Amino acid sequence: MTTRIEDEVFWLHPLLSSRLRPANRRACRAIARKRKGLDGQLARLVRRRNQRCAGLMPPITIAQAKVRAENLVVGALARAQAFCARDGAPPVQIFAVVVMSNHLHLVLRAPAKNLSSFMGYFKKRIAHDINMLRGRRGHVFSRRFDAQPIFGHEAARQRVAYTLRNPVKSKLVRCPTQWPGFVAVAGMHDESELRCRYFDATAWQQAKQPEDREPFWRELTLTLSPLPGHEDQTPDDYLREALAWRYGQADQDPPRVLGIDKVLDTSFDARPPRSKRSCRPYAFGSRQDLELHRERMGRCALLYDECRERQRRGERDIRWPEGMYPPGASTAA
C-alpha cells in the first residue's frame, strides 16, 4: 500500500511524527540533539497556525502540538484498526509501516475485505490532524491509495523488506533502524503493541468546545502482526530476521547517503526533489500466482460486462460479482 501527499510536499518533520527510540545508538544520539532544535521551528509553526485560525478555531499550545504530531500516524492506524473491527469483524493485520517525508508505505491484510474502509478512515484522521497543525484546509492526499495484492510467503517477505528499507533505497540512511521517522514492524516494540493518545474532537464539539480539553483525550493500542508462518518466533528473532530480508537482486546498500544529521536539519516547509516514477507491478508473487490472478480478474471482468448488458436490456434481478457495484451505484455507496 502506498499513498502520497498532495504536490509531494513534506507533511511534517519526520522526527515530529515519531516518538520511537531507534535501536541504532548513533541515531539515538543524533535524535536527542535535534529534538532540542525542533522546539523553535515548532513554535513558529504553532504561532503561524494560531494566526491563520484566529476566530475560527481555538489556539493550541506547543505541548498540545507535540502530542498530536507524535501520535499522528500511530493514532490514525490504531483508530482505523478499531473502527474496522467495531462490528466484530476480524481485525486488519498490520505487518510493516514506514513514513517518509511525503509518502508512506504499508503492508497489511484485511480479512473482512474492508481495505477501502480502513484506508479511508486512516487517511481522514491523518488529514484532519495535519490541517489542524498547519492551520490549513483542503486535501492532504492527492489521490486514492495504490494497493497491490501479495501472493505467497516469499513475496510477502520481499514487500516487508521493501517497506522497511525504503529510507535506505532513497539514500537517506544506511539501515532502517537509523530512520528517525515513524517505522514499525512486529518485534520492534514491547509485545508488538504501540500505545497512543488521540484527541476526540467529536466529543469535544458535542460538549460545545470547553476550554478544558483534558477529559477528551483517549488512549488506544495499535497491534502489529508478524507475517503468516512466523507466529511461533520470539519478537527479537522475528525482528532480526525481518531486517535481514531483501526484496530483489538490485537491493544493494547505497555507497553514499544523506545522513541522519542532514535529514533532521530539513525544514518544515521544504520540498523533496522530484522522485523517479516507474510502473508499479499489478501484483506481487510467483509467475504462476500472477497468471492465476490475471485469469481470475479476467473472468470477473467478463461476468461484470455480462451483468451490464443484462441491465441495459431492462433486467432487474441481477447478481453482480462480489465486491463490484452496478454502474452509478458506487457514488451512492
C-alpha atoms as a PDB file:
ATOM      1  CA  MET A   1       0.000   0.000   0.000  1.00  0.00           C
ATOM      2  CA  THR A   2       1.382   3.400  -0.992  1.00  0.00           C
ATOM      3  CA  THR A   3      -0.137   6.857  -0.644  1.00  0.00           C
ATOM      4  CA  ARG A   4       1.393  10.267  -1.350  1.00  0.00           C
ATOM      5  CA  ILE A   5       0.874  13.785  -0.071  1.00  0.00           C
ATOM      6  CA  GLU A   6      -0.646  16.378  -2.429  1.00  0.00           C
ATOM      7  CA  ASP A   7       2.028  18.074  -4.567  1.00  0.00           C
ATOM      8  CA  GLU A   8       4.523  15.802  -2.746  1.00  0.00           C
ATOM      9  CA  VAL A   9       5.430  18.477  -0.198  1.00  0.00           C
ATOM     10  CA  PHE A  10       6.702  17.472   3.228  1.00  0.00           C
ATOM     11  CA  TRP A  11       3.772  16.972   5.564  1.00  0.00           C
ATOM     12  CA  LEU A  12       5.673  17.201   8.849  1.00  0.00           C
ATOM     13  CA  HIS A  13       9.223  16.910  10.022  1.00  0.00           C
ATOM     14  CA  PRO A  14       9.962  13.134  10.258  1.00  0.00           C
ATOM     15  CA  LEU A  15      11.091  13.470  13.853  1.00  0.00           C
ATOM     16  CA  LEU A  16       7.816  15.097  14.871  1.00  0.00           C
ATOM     17  CA  SER A  17       5.685  12.186  13.686  1.00  0.00           C
ATOM     18  CA  SER A  18       7.777   9.635  15.569  1.00  0.00           C
ATOM     19  CA  ARG A  19       8.267   9.067  19.287  1.00  0.00           C
ATOM     20  CA  LEU A  20      10.174   5.820  18.793  1.00  0.00           C
ATOM     21  CA  ARG A  21      13.670   5.180  20.075  1.00  0.00           C
ATOM     22  CA  PRO A  22      15.785   3.641  17.275  1.00  0.00           C
ATOM     23  CA  ALA A  23      17.891   0.604  18.035  1.00  0.00           C
ATOM     24  CA  ASN A  24      20.919   2.278  16.475  1.00  0.00           C
ATOM     25  CA  ARG A  25      22.919   4.204  19.113  1.00  0.00           C
ATOM     26  CA  ARG A  26      24.225   6.806  16.711  1.00  0.00           C
ATOM     27  CA  ALA A  27      20.693   7.548  15.564  1.00  0.00           C
ATOM     28  CA  CYS A  28      19.580   7.899  19.190  1.00  0.00           C
ATOM     29  CA  ARG A  29      22.283  10.459  19.955  1.00  0.00           C
ATOM     30  CA  ALA A  30      21.510  12.434  16.802  1.00  0.00           C
ATOM     31  CA  ILE A  31      17.805  12.468  17.581  1.00  0.00           C
ATOM     32  CA  ALA A  32      18.402  13.652  21.159  1.00  0.00           C
ATOM     33  CA  ARG A  33      20.372  16.634  19.805  1.00  0.00           C
ATOM     34  CA  LYS A  34      17.916  17.503  17.075  1.00  0.00           C
ATOM     35  CA  ARG A  35      14.839  17.327  19.286  1.00  0.00           C
ATOM     36  CA  LYS A  36      16.089  20.377  21.152  1.00  0.00           C
ATOM     37  CA  GLY A  37      16.462  22.325  17.929  1.00  0.00           C
ATOM     38  CA  LEU A  38      12.949  21.446  16.775  1.00  0.00           C
ATOM     39  CA  ASP A  39      11.281  23.459  19.527  1.00  0.00           C
ATOM     40  CA  GLY A  40      11.995  26.750  17.760  1.00  0.00           C
ATOM     41  CA  GLN A  41      10.634  25.504  14.410  1.00  0.00           C
ATOM     42  CA  LEU A  42       7.575  24.035  16.122  1.00  0.00           C
ATOM     43  CA  ALA A  43       6.927  27.291  17.974  1.00  0.00           C
ATOM     44  CA  ARG A  44       6.900  29.188  14.655  1.00  0.00           C
ATOM     45  CA  LEU A  45       4.595  26.588  13.130  1.00  0.00           C
ATOM     46  CA  VAL A  46       2.160  26.815  16.055  1.00  0.00           C
ATOM     47  CA  ARG A  47       2.249  30.625  16.034  1.00  0.00           C
ATOM     48  CA  ARG A  48       1.536  30.735  12.312  1.00  0.00           C
ATOM     49  CA  ARG A  49      -1.265  28.190  12.732  1.00  0.00           C
ATOM     50  CA  ASN A  50      -2.907  30.189  15.530  1.00  0.00           C
ATOM     51  CA  GLN A  51      -2.724  33.395  13.460  1.00  0.00           C
ATOM     52  CA  ARG A  52      -4.341  31.751  10.448  1.00  0.00           C
ATOM     53  CA  CYS A  53      -7.121  30.196  12.543  1.00  0.00           C
ATOM     54  CA  ALA A  54      -7.806  33.202  14.778  1.00  0.00           C
ATOM     55  CA  GLY A  55     -11.556  33.405  15.345  1.00  0.00           C
ATOM     56  CA  LEU A  56     -12.174  30.118  13.522  1.00  0.00           C
ATOM     57  CA  MET A  57     -10.506  27.529  15.733  1.00  0.00           C
ATOM     58  CA  PRO A  58      -9.256  27.643  19.337  1.00  0.00           C
ATOM     59  CA  PRO A  59      -5.486  28.211  19.663  1.00  0.00           C
ATOM     60  CA  ILE A  60      -3.215  25.310  20.574  1.00  0.00           C
ATOM     61  CA  THR A  61      -0.045  25.228  22.640  1.00  0.00           C
ATOM     62  CA  ILE A  62       3.328  23.786  21.698  1.00  0.00           C
ATOM     63  CA  ALA A  63       2.810  20.908  24.146  1.00  0.00           C
ATOM     64  CA  GLN A  64      -0.521  20.027  22.532  1.00  0.00           C
ATOM     65  CA  ALA A  65       1.009  20.211  19.072  1.00  0.00           C
ATOM     66  CA  LYS A  66       3.795  17.831  20.110  1.00  0.00           C
ATOM     67  CA  VAL A  67       1.350  15.233  21.403  1.00  0.00           C
ATOM     68  CA  ARG A  68      -0.794  15.467  18.272  1.00  0.00           C
ATOM     69  CA  ALA A  69       2.243  15.187  15.999  1.00  0.00           C
ATOM     70  CA  GLU A  70       3.830  12.272  17.885  1.00  0.00           C
ATOM     71  CA  ASN A  71       0.594  10.305  17.731  1.00  0.00           C
ATOM     72  CA  LEU A  72      -0.249  11.367  14.199  1.00  0.00           C
ATOM     73  CA  VAL A  73       0.446   8.073  12.408  1.00  0.00           C
ATOM     74  CA  VAL A  74       0.170   5.523  15.201  1.00  0.00           C
ATOM     75  CA  GLY A  75      -3.063   7.112  16.422  1.00  0.00           C
ATOM     76  CA  ALA A  76      -4.631   7.123  12.953  1.00  0.00           C
ATOM     77  CA  LEU A  77      -3.651   3.477  12.391  1.00  0.00           C
ATOM     78  CA  ALA A  78      -4.961   2.389  15.795  1.00  0.00           C
ATOM     79  CA  ARG A  79      -8.245   4.237  15.315  1.00  0.00           C
ATOM     80  CA  ALA A  80      -8.711   2.793  11.820  1.00  0.00           C
ATOM     81  CA  GLN A  81      -7.952  -0.682  13.164  1.00  0.00           C
ATOM     82  CA  ALA A  82     -10.549  -0.272  15.915  1.00  0.00           C
ATOM     83  CA  PHE A  83     -13.082   1.322  13.521  1.00  0.00           C
ATOM     84  CA  CYS A  84     -12.993  -1.644  11.127  1.00  0.00           C
ATOM     85  CA  ALA A  85     -13.345  -4.179  13.977  1.00  0.00           C
ATOM     86  CA  ARG A  86     -16.214  -2.393  15.727  1.00  0.00           C
ATOM     87  CA  ASP A  87     -18.882  -4.857  14.488  1.00  0.00           C
ATOM     88  CA  GLY A  88     -16.936  -7.977  15.405  1.00  0.00           C
ATOM     89  CA  ALA A  89     -15.136  -8.172  12.059  1.00  0.00           C
ATOM     90  CA  PRO A  90     -11.647  -9.736  12.002  1.00  0.00           C
ATOM     91  CA  PRO A  91      -9.077  -7.013  12.726  1.00  0.00           C
ATOM     92  CA  VAL A  92      -6.906  -5.591   9.978  1.00  0.00           C
ATOM     93  CA  GLN A  93      -3.431  -7.069  10.387  1.00  0.00           C
ATOM     94  CA  ILE A  94      -0.563  -4.591  10.001  1.00  0.00           C
ATOM     95  CA  PHE A  95       2.793  -6.166   9.146  1.00  0.00           C
ATOM     96  CA  ALA A  96       5.033  -3.171   8.388  1.00  0.00           C
ATOM     97  CA  VAL A  97       4.810   0.626   8.203  1.00  0.00           C
ATOM     98  CA  VAL A  98       7.268   3.317   7.223  1.00  0.00           C
ATOM     99  CA  VAL A  99       6.509   7.037   6.978  1.00  0.00           C
ATOM    100  CA  MET A 100       8.710   9.065   4.683  1.00  0.00           C
ATOM    101  CA  SER A 101       8.614  12.846   4.403  1.00  0.00           C
ATOM    102  CA  ASN A 102       5.960  12.977   1.681  1.00  0.00           C
ATOM    103  CA  HIS A 103       4.522   9.458   1.429  1.00  0.00           C
ATOM    104  CA  LEU A 104       4.096   6.256   3.392  1.00  0.00           C
ATOM    105  CA  HIS A 105       4.153   2.507   2.786  1.00  0.00           C
ATOM    106  CA  LEU A 106       2.011  -0.151   4.455  1.00  0.00           C
ATOM    107  CA  VAL A 107       1.963  -3.937   4.303  1.00  0.00           C
ATOM    108  CA  LEU A 108      -1.300  -5.241   5.721  1.00  0.00           C
ATOM    109  CA  ARG A 109      -4.101  -7.764   5.347  1.00  0.00           C
ATOM    110  CA  ALA A 110      -7.838  -7.083   5.612  1.00  0.00           C
ATOM    111  CA  PRO A 111      -9.578 -10.452   6.207  1.00  0.00           C
ATOM    112  CA  ALA A 112     -13.036  -8.829   6.252  1.00  0.00           C
ATOM    113  CA  LYS A 113     -12.478  -7.277   2.783  1.00  0.00           C
ATOM    114  CA  ASN A 114     -12.709  -3.792   4.293  1.00  0.00           C
ATOM    115  CA  LEU A 115      -9.468  -2.390   2.913  1.00  0.00           C
ATOM    116  CA  SER A 116     -11.114   0.708   1.444  1.00  0.00           C
ATOM    117  CA  SER A 117     -12.881   1.471   4.737  1.00  0.00           C
ATOM    118  CA  PHE A 118      -9.625   1.087   6.659  1.00  0.00           C
ATOM    119  CA  MET A 119      -7.589   3.313   4.342  1.00  0.00           C
ATOM    120  CA  GLY A 120     -10.358   5.909   4.040  1.00  0.00           C
ATOM    121  CA  TYR A 121     -10.667   6.263   7.815  1.00  0.00           C
ATOM    122  CA  PHE A 122      -6.878   6.246   8.287  1.00  0.00           C
ATOM    123  CA  LYS A 123      -6.261   8.960   5.680  1.00  0.00           C
ATOM    124  CA  LYS A 124      -9.140  11.060   7.015  1.00  0.00           C
ATOM    125  CA  ARG A 125      -7.634  11.096  10.509  1.00  0.00           C
ATOM    126  CA  ILE A 126      -4.167  11.922   9.142  1.00  0.00           C
ATOM    127  CA  ALA A 127      -5.510  14.764   7.004  1.00  0.00           C
ATOM    128  CA  HIS A 128      -7.544  16.213   9.876  1.00  0.00           C
ATOM    129  CA  ASP A 129      -4.547  16.400  12.223  1.00  0.00           C
ATOM    130  CA  ILE A 130      -2.150  17.759   9.594  1.00  0.00           C
ATOM    131  CA  ASN A 131      -4.587  20.517   8.645  1.00  0.00           C
ATOM    132  CA  MET A 132      -5.117  21.298  12.323  1.00  0.00           C
ATOM    133  CA  LEU A 133      -1.381  21.566  13.000  1.00  0.00           C
ATOM    134  CA  ARG A 134      -0.650  23.603   9.898  1.00  0.00           C
ATOM    135  CA  GLY A 135      -3.726  25.816  10.082  1.00  0.00           C
ATOM    136  CA  ARG A 136      -4.913  24.948   6.595  1.00  0.00           C
ATOM    137  CA  ARG A 137      -7.863  23.356   4.837  1.00  0.00           C
ATOM    138  CA  GLY A 138      -8.361  21.167   1.824  1.00  0.00           C
ATOM    139  CA  HIS A 139      -6.922  17.940   0.557  1.00  0.00           C
ATOM    140  CA  VAL A 140      -3.777  16.418   2.019  1.00  0.00           C
ATOM    141  CA  PHE A 141      -3.567  13.295  -0.127  1.00  0.00           C
ATOM    142  CA  SER A 142      -3.642  13.911  -3.849  1.00  0.00           C
ATOM    143  CA  ARG A 143      -5.185  10.629  -4.980  1.00  0.00           C
ATOM    144  CA  ARG A 144      -6.524   7.280  -3.923  1.00  0.00           C
ATOM    145  CA  PHE A 145      -4.003   4.897  -2.417  1.00  0.00           C
ATOM    146  CA  ASP A 146      -2.183   2.347  -4.578  1.00  0.00           C
ATOM    147  CA  ALA A 147      -2.819  -1.245  -3.496  1.00  0.00           C
ATOM    148  CA  GLN A 148      -1.251  -4.368  -4.957  1.00  0.00           C
ATOM    149  CA  PRO A 149      -2.157  -7.915  -3.830  1.00  0.00           C
ATOM    150  CA  ILE A 150       0.625 -10.132  -2.488  1.00  0.00           C
ATOM    151  CA  PHE A 151       0.668 -13.876  -3.162  1.00  0.00           C
ATOM    152  CA  GLY A 152       2.923 -16.282  -1.274  1.00  0.00           C
ATOM    153  CA  HIS A 153       5.197 -16.112   1.754  1.00  0.00           C
ATOM    154  CA  GLU A 154       8.297 -15.116  -0.198  1.00  0.00           C
ATOM    155  CA  ALA A 155       6.559 -12.208  -1.891  1.00  0.00           C
ATOM    156  CA  ALA A 156       5.253 -11.034   1.500  1.00  0.00           C
ATOM    157  CA  ARG A 157       8.794 -11.072   2.941  1.00  0.00           C
ATOM    158  CA  GLN A 158      10.054  -9.060  -0.011  1.00  0.00           C
ATOM    159  CA  ARG A 159       7.326  -6.444   0.456  1.00  0.00           C
ATOM    160  CA  VAL A 160       8.108  -6.105   4.160  1.00  0.00           C
ATOM    161  CA  ALA A 161      11.790  -5.756   3.280  1.00  0.00           C
ATOM    162  CA  TYR A 162      10.995  -3.106   0.651  1.00  0.00           C
ATOM    163  CA  THR A 163       8.877  -1.165   3.124  1.00  0.00           C
ATOM    164  CA  LEU A 164      11.430  -1.214   5.935  1.00  0.00           C
ATOM    165  CA  ARG A 165      14.344  -0.423   3.619  1.00  0.00           C
ATOM    166  CA  ASN A 166      12.630   2.473   1.818  1.00  0.00           C
ATOM    167  CA  PRO A 167      14.756   5.097   3.627  1.00  0.00           C
ATOM    168  CA  VAL A 168      17.858   3.143   2.579  1.00  0.00           C
ATOM    169  CA  LYS A 169      16.658   2.862  -1.011  1.00  0.00           C
ATOM    170  CA  SER A 170      16.094   6.639  -1.032  1.00  0.00           C
ATOM    171  CA  LYS A 171      19.760   7.164   0.000  1.00  0.00           C
ATOM    172  CA  LEU A 172      18.840   8.853   3.273  1.00  0.00           C
ATOM    173  CA  VAL A 173      20.276   6.448   5.892  1.00  0.00           C
ATOM    174  CA  ARG A 174      22.327   3.258   5.843  1.00  0.00           C
ATOM    175  CA  CYS A 175      19.905   0.958   7.697  1.00  0.00           C
ATOM    176  CA  PRO A 176      16.197   1.042   8.601  1.00  0.00           C
ATOM    177  CA  THR A 177      16.910   1.412  12.323  1.00  0.00           C
ATOM    178  CA  GLN A 178      18.584   4.788  11.627  1.00  0.00           C
ATOM    179  CA  TRP A 179      15.487   6.343  10.088  1.00  0.00           C
ATOM    180  CA  PRO A 180      14.242   8.994  12.547  1.00  0.00           C
ATOM    181  CA  GLY A 181      10.684   8.989  11.219  1.00  0.00           C
ATOM    182  CA  PHE A 182       7.943   6.522  12.045  1.00  0.00           C
ATOM    183  CA  VAL A 183       8.835   2.922  11.244  1.00  0.00           C
ATOM    184  CA  ALA A 184       7.120  -0.085  12.769  1.00  0.00           C
ATOM    185  CA  VAL A 185       7.190  -3.866  12.453  1.00  0.00           C
ATOM    186  CA  ALA A 186       6.298  -6.637  14.857  1.00  0.00           C
ATOM    187  CA  GLY A 187       9.134  -7.170  17.342  1.00  0.00           C
ATOM    188  CA  MET A 188      10.352  -3.586  17.299  1.00  0.00           C
ATOM    189  CA  HIS A 189       8.161  -2.700  20.281  1.00  0.00           C
ATOM    190  CA  ASP A 190       7.133  -4.394  23.519  1.00  0.00           C
ATOM    191  CA  GLU A 191       4.630  -7.176  22.867  1.00  0.00           C
ATOM    192  CA  SER A 192       4.170  -5.873  19.296  1.00  0.00           C
ATOM    193  CA  GLU A 193       1.854  -3.153  20.576  1.00  0.00           C
ATOM    194  CA  LEU A 194       2.058   0.619  20.430  1.00  0.00           C
ATOM    195  CA  ARG A 195       0.027   2.743  22.814  1.00  0.00           C
ATOM    196  CA  CYS A 196      -1.130   6.139  21.641  1.00  0.00           C
ATOM    197  CA  ARG A 197      -3.210   9.110  22.725  1.00  0.00           C
ATOM    198  CA  TYR A 198      -5.606  10.964  20.490  1.00  0.00           C
ATOM    199  CA  PHE A 199      -7.945  13.887  20.902  1.00  0.00           C
ATOM    200  CA  ASP A 200     -11.640  13.037  20.466  1.00  0.00           C
ATOM    201  CA  ALA A 201     -12.675  16.127  18.516  1.00  0.00           C
ATOM    202  CA  THR A 202     -16.223  14.829  18.006  1.00  0.00           C
ATOM    203  CA  ALA A 203     -16.894  14.527  21.747  1.00  0.00           C
ATOM    204  CA  TRP A 204     -15.283  17.929  22.306  1.00  0.00           C
ATOM    205  CA  GLN A 205     -17.527  19.536  19.679  1.00  0.00           C
ATOM    206  CA  GLN A 206     -20.614  17.875  21.151  1.00  0.00           C
ATOM    207  CA  ALA A 207     -19.665  19.290  24.562  1.00  0.00           C
ATOM    208  CA  LYS A 208     -19.667  22.802  22.985  1.00  0.00           C
ATOM    209  CA  GLN A 209     -15.859  23.185  22.908  1.00  0.00           C
ATOM    210  CA  PRO A 210     -14.973  23.686  26.579  1.00  0.00           C
ATOM    211  CA  GLU A 211     -11.597  25.256  27.361  1.00  0.00           C
ATOM    212  CA  ASP A 212     -10.522  22.236  29.404  1.00  0.00           C
ATOM    213  CA  ARG A 213      -9.618  19.633  26.774  1.00  0.00           C
ATOM    214  CA  GLU A 214      -8.056  17.042  29.060  1.00  0.00           C
ATOM    215  CA  PRO A 215     -11.243  14.941  29.513  1.00  0.00           C
ATOM    216  CA  PHE A 216     -11.407  14.440  25.754  1.00  0.00           C
ATOM    217  CA  TRP A 217      -8.069  12.671  25.324  1.00  0.00           C
ATOM    218  CA  ARG A 218      -8.404   8.941  24.656  1.00  0.00           C
ATOM    219  CA  GLU A 219      -5.931   6.042  24.762  1.00  0.00           C
ATOM    220  CA  LEU A 220      -5.740   3.253  22.210  1.00  0.00           C
ATOM    221  CA  THR A 221      -3.382   0.425  21.239  1.00  0.00           C
ATOM    222  CA  LEU A 222      -2.066  -0.378  17.780  1.00  0.00           C
ATOM    223  CA  THR A 223      -1.357  -4.085  17.276  1.00  0.00           C
ATOM    224  CA  LEU A 224       1.388  -5.184  14.867  1.00  0.00           C
ATOM    225  CA  SER A 225       1.334  -8.727  13.496  1.00  0.00           C
ATOM    226  CA  PRO A 226       4.126 -10.995  12.264  1.00  0.00           C
ATOM    227  CA  LEU A 227       3.781 -12.429   8.794  1.00  0.00           C
ATOM    228  CA  PRO A 228       1.912 -15.741   8.499  1.00  0.00           C
ATOM    229  CA  GLY A 229       4.267 -18.611   9.219  1.00  0.00           C
ATOM    230  CA  HIS A 230       6.306 -16.617  11.760  1.00  0.00           C
ATOM    231  CA  GLU A 231       3.845 -16.599  14.659  1.00  0.00           C
ATOM    232  CA  ASP A 232       5.963 -19.016  16.736  1.00  0.00           C
ATOM    233  CA  GLN A 233       9.093 -16.868  16.629  1.00  0.00           C
ATOM    234  CA  THR A 234      10.085 -14.660  19.528  1.00  0.00           C
ATOM    235  CA  PRO A 235       9.738 -10.918  18.837  1.00  0.00           C
ATOM    236  CA  ASP A 236      13.519 -10.413  18.840  1.00  0.00           C
ATOM    237  CA  ASP A 237      14.121 -13.281  16.398  1.00  0.00           C
ATOM    238  CA  TYR A 238      11.381 -12.075  14.082  1.00  0.00           C
ATOM    239  CA  LEU A 239      12.720  -8.509  14.067  1.00  0.00           C
ATOM    240  CA  ARG A 240      16.262  -9.686  13.401  1.00  0.00           C
ATOM    241  CA  GLU A 241      15.072 -11.845  10.510  1.00  0.00           C
ATOM    242  CA  ALA A 242      12.814  -9.148   9.061  1.00  0.00           C
ATOM    243  CA  LEU A 243      15.650  -6.605   8.981  1.00  0.00           C
ATOM    244  CA  ALA A 244      17.783  -9.139   7.080  1.00  0.00           C
ATOM    245  CA  TRP A 245      15.218  -9.795   4.340  1.00  0.00           C
ATOM    246  CA  ARG A 246      15.920  -8.491   0.840  1.00  0.00           C
ATOM    247  CA  TYR A 247      13.422  -7.606  -1.836  1.00  0.00           C
ATOM    248  CA  GLY A 248      15.385  -8.254  -5.029  1.00  0.00           C
ATOM    249  CA  GLN A 249      18.731  -8.531  -6.754  1.00  0.00           C
ATOM    250  CA  ALA A 250      19.007  -4.741  -7.020  1.00  0.00           C
ATOM    251  CA  ASP A 251      18.604  -4.305  -3.271  1.00  0.00           C
ATOM    252  CA  GLN A 252      22.110  -3.073  -2.509  1.00  0.00           C
ATOM    253  CA  ASP A 253      23.161  -0.572   0.135  1.00  0.00           C
ATOM    254  CA  PRO A 254      23.970   2.802  -1.485  1.00  0.00           C
ATOM    255  CA  PRO A 255      27.634   3.883  -1.314  1.00  0.00           C
ATOM    256  CA  ARG A 256      26.683   7.381  -0.116  1.00  0.00           C
ATOM    257  CA  VAL A 257      23.680   8.562   1.869  1.00  0.00           C
ATOM    258  CA  LEU A 258      22.385  11.942   3.013  1.00  0.00           C
ATOM    259  CA  GLY A 259      22.896  11.018   6.684  1.00  0.00           C
ATOM    260  CA  ILE A 260      20.879  11.408   9.853  1.00  0.00           C
ATOM    261  CA  ASP A 261      22.064  14.948  10.608  1.00  0.00           C
ATOM    262  CA  LYS A 262      21.027  16.387   7.242  1.00  0.00           C
ATOM    263  CA  VAL A 263      17.712  14.524   7.325  1.00  0.00           C
ATOM    264  CA  LEU A 264      16.910  16.067  10.697  1.00  0.00           C
ATOM    265  CA  ASP A 265      18.048  19.538   9.582  1.00  0.00           C
ATOM    266  CA  THR A 266      15.276  19.614   6.972  1.00  0.00           C
ATOM    267  CA  SER A 267      12.818  22.474   7.385  1.00  0.00           C
ATOM    268  CA  PHE A 268       9.081  22.001   7.880  1.00  0.00           C
ATOM    269  CA  ASP A 269       8.357  23.796   4.607  1.00  0.00           C
ATOM    270  CA  ALA A 270      10.959  22.024   2.483  1.00  0.00           C
ATOM    271  CA  ARG A 271      10.058  20.209  -0.707  1.00  0.00           C
ATOM    272  CA  PRO A 272      11.797  16.956  -1.653  1.00  0.00           C
ATOM    273  CA  PRO A 273      13.385  16.536  -5.090  1.00  0.00           C
ATOM    274  CA  ARG A 274      11.098  15.081  -7.720  1.00  0.00           C
ATOM    275  CA  SER A 275      11.366  11.319  -7.410  1.00  0.00           C
ATOM    276  CA  LYS A 276      11.698   8.940 -10.340  1.00  0.00           C
ATOM    277  CA  ARG A 277       8.481   7.258 -11.392  1.00  0.00           C
ATOM    278  CA  SER A 278       8.123   3.719 -12.659  1.00  0.00           C
ATOM    279  CA  CYS A 279       5.196   1.461 -13.467  1.00  0.00           C
ATOM    280  CA  ARG A 280       4.089  -0.358 -10.331  1.00  0.00           C
ATOM    281  CA  PRO A 281       3.561  -4.111 -10.747  1.00  0.00           C
ATOM    282  CA  TYR A 282      -0.015  -5.337 -10.973  1.00  0.00           C
ATOM    283  CA  ALA A 283       0.625  -7.740  -8.088  1.00  0.00           C
ATOM    284  CA  PHE A 284       3.489  -9.438  -6.264  1.00  0.00           C
ATOM    285  CA  GLY A 285       4.163 -13.165  -6.221  1.00  0.00           C
ATOM    286  CA  SER A 286       5.427 -16.049  -8.304  1.00  0.00           C
ATOM    287  CA  ARG A 287       4.734 -16.194 -12.037  1.00  0.00           C
ATOM    288  CA  GLN A 288       2.175 -18.932 -11.525  1.00  0.00           C
ATOM    289  CA  ASP A 289       0.333 -16.958  -8.842  1.00  0.00           C
ATOM    290  CA  LEU A 290       0.257 -13.853 -11.037  1.00  0.00           C
ATOM    291  CA  GLU A 291      -1.123 -15.797 -14.005  1.00  0.00           C
ATOM    292  CA  LEU A 292      -3.888 -17.296 -11.868  1.00  0.00           C
ATOM    293  CA  HIS A 293      -4.733 -13.847 -10.509  1.00  0.00           C
ATOM    294  CA  ARG A 294      -4.945 -12.352 -14.008  1.00  0.00           C
ATOM    295  CA  GLU A 295      -7.197 -15.191 -15.155  1.00  0.00           C
ATOM    296  CA  ARG A 296      -9.462 -14.754 -12.134  1.00  0.00           C
ATOM    297  CA  MET A 297      -9.724 -10.996 -12.628  1.00  0.00           C
ATOM    298  CA  GLY A 298     -10.377 -11.528 -16.337  1.00  0.00           C
ATOM    299  CA  ARG A 299     -13.298 -13.825 -15.549  1.00  0.00           C
ATOM    300  CA  CYS A 300     -14.681 -11.229 -13.115  1.00  0.00           C
ATOM    301  CA  ALA A 301     -14.440  -8.542 -15.806  1.00  0.00           C
ATOM    302  CA  LEU A 302     -16.330 -10.728 -18.311  1.00  0.00           C
ATOM    303  CA  LEU A 303     -19.014 -11.502 -15.751  1.00  0.00           C
ATOM    304  CA  TYR A 304     -19.352  -7.801 -14.940  1.00  0.00           C
ATOM    305  CA  ASP A 305     -19.761  -6.946 -18.636  1.00  0.00           C
ATOM    306  CA  GLU A 306     -22.479  -9.593 -18.949  1.00  0.00           C
ATOM    307  CA  CYS A 307     -24.331  -8.091 -15.972  1.00  0.00           C
ATOM    308  CA  ARG A 308     -24.112  -4.619 -17.503  1.00  0.00           C
ATOM    309  CA  GLU A 309     -25.542  -5.897 -20.773  1.00  0.00           C
ATOM    310  CA  ARG A 310     -28.442  -7.536 -18.924  1.00  0.00           C
ATOM    311  CA  GLN A 311     -29.061  -4.255 -17.106  1.00  0.00           C
ATOM    312  CA  ARG A 312     -29.229  -2.384 -20.425  1.00  0.00           C
ATOM    313  CA  ARG A 313     -31.891  -4.835 -21.581  1.00  0.00           C
ATOM    314  CA  GLY A 314     -34.009  -3.876 -18.579  1.00  0.00           C
ATOM    315  CA  GLU A 315     -33.469  -6.893 -16.343  1.00  0.00           C
ATOM    316  CA  ARG A 316     -33.598  -6.160 -12.624  1.00  0.00           C
ATOM    317  CA  ASP A 317     -32.864  -9.448 -10.876  1.00  0.00           C
ATOM    318  CA  ILE A 318     -29.103  -9.363 -11.500  1.00  0.00           C
ATOM    319  CA  ARG A 319     -26.470 -10.834  -9.205  1.00  0.00           C
ATOM    320  CA  TRP A 320     -23.382  -8.667  -9.545  1.00  0.00           C
ATOM    321  CA  PRO A 321     -19.891 -10.105  -8.890  1.00  0.00           C
ATOM    322  CA  GLU A 322     -18.794  -9.923  -5.268  1.00  0.00           C
ATOM    323  CA  GLY A 323     -17.131  -6.626  -4.423  1.00  0.00           C
ATOM    324  CA  MET A 324     -18.418  -4.840  -7.552  1.00  0.00           C
ATOM    325  CA  TYR A 325     -21.097  -2.150  -7.827  1.00  0.00           C
ATOM    326  CA  PRO A 326     -23.672  -1.681 -10.588  1.00  0.00           C
ATOM    327  CA  PRO A 327     -22.919   1.355 -12.792  1.00  0.00           C
ATOM    328  CA  GLY A 328     -23.926   4.530 -10.973  1.00  0.00           C
ATOM    329  CA  ALA A 329     -24.243   2.837  -7.582  1.00  0.00           C
ATOM    330  CA  SER A 330     -20.644   3.362  -6.451  1.00  0.00           C
ATOM    331  CA  THR A 331     -21.257   7.070  -5.809  1.00  0.00           C
ATOM    332  CA  ALA A 332     -24.268   6.349  -3.636  1.00  0.00           C
ATOM    333  CA  ALA A 333     -22.373   3.636  -1.758  1.00  0.00           C
END
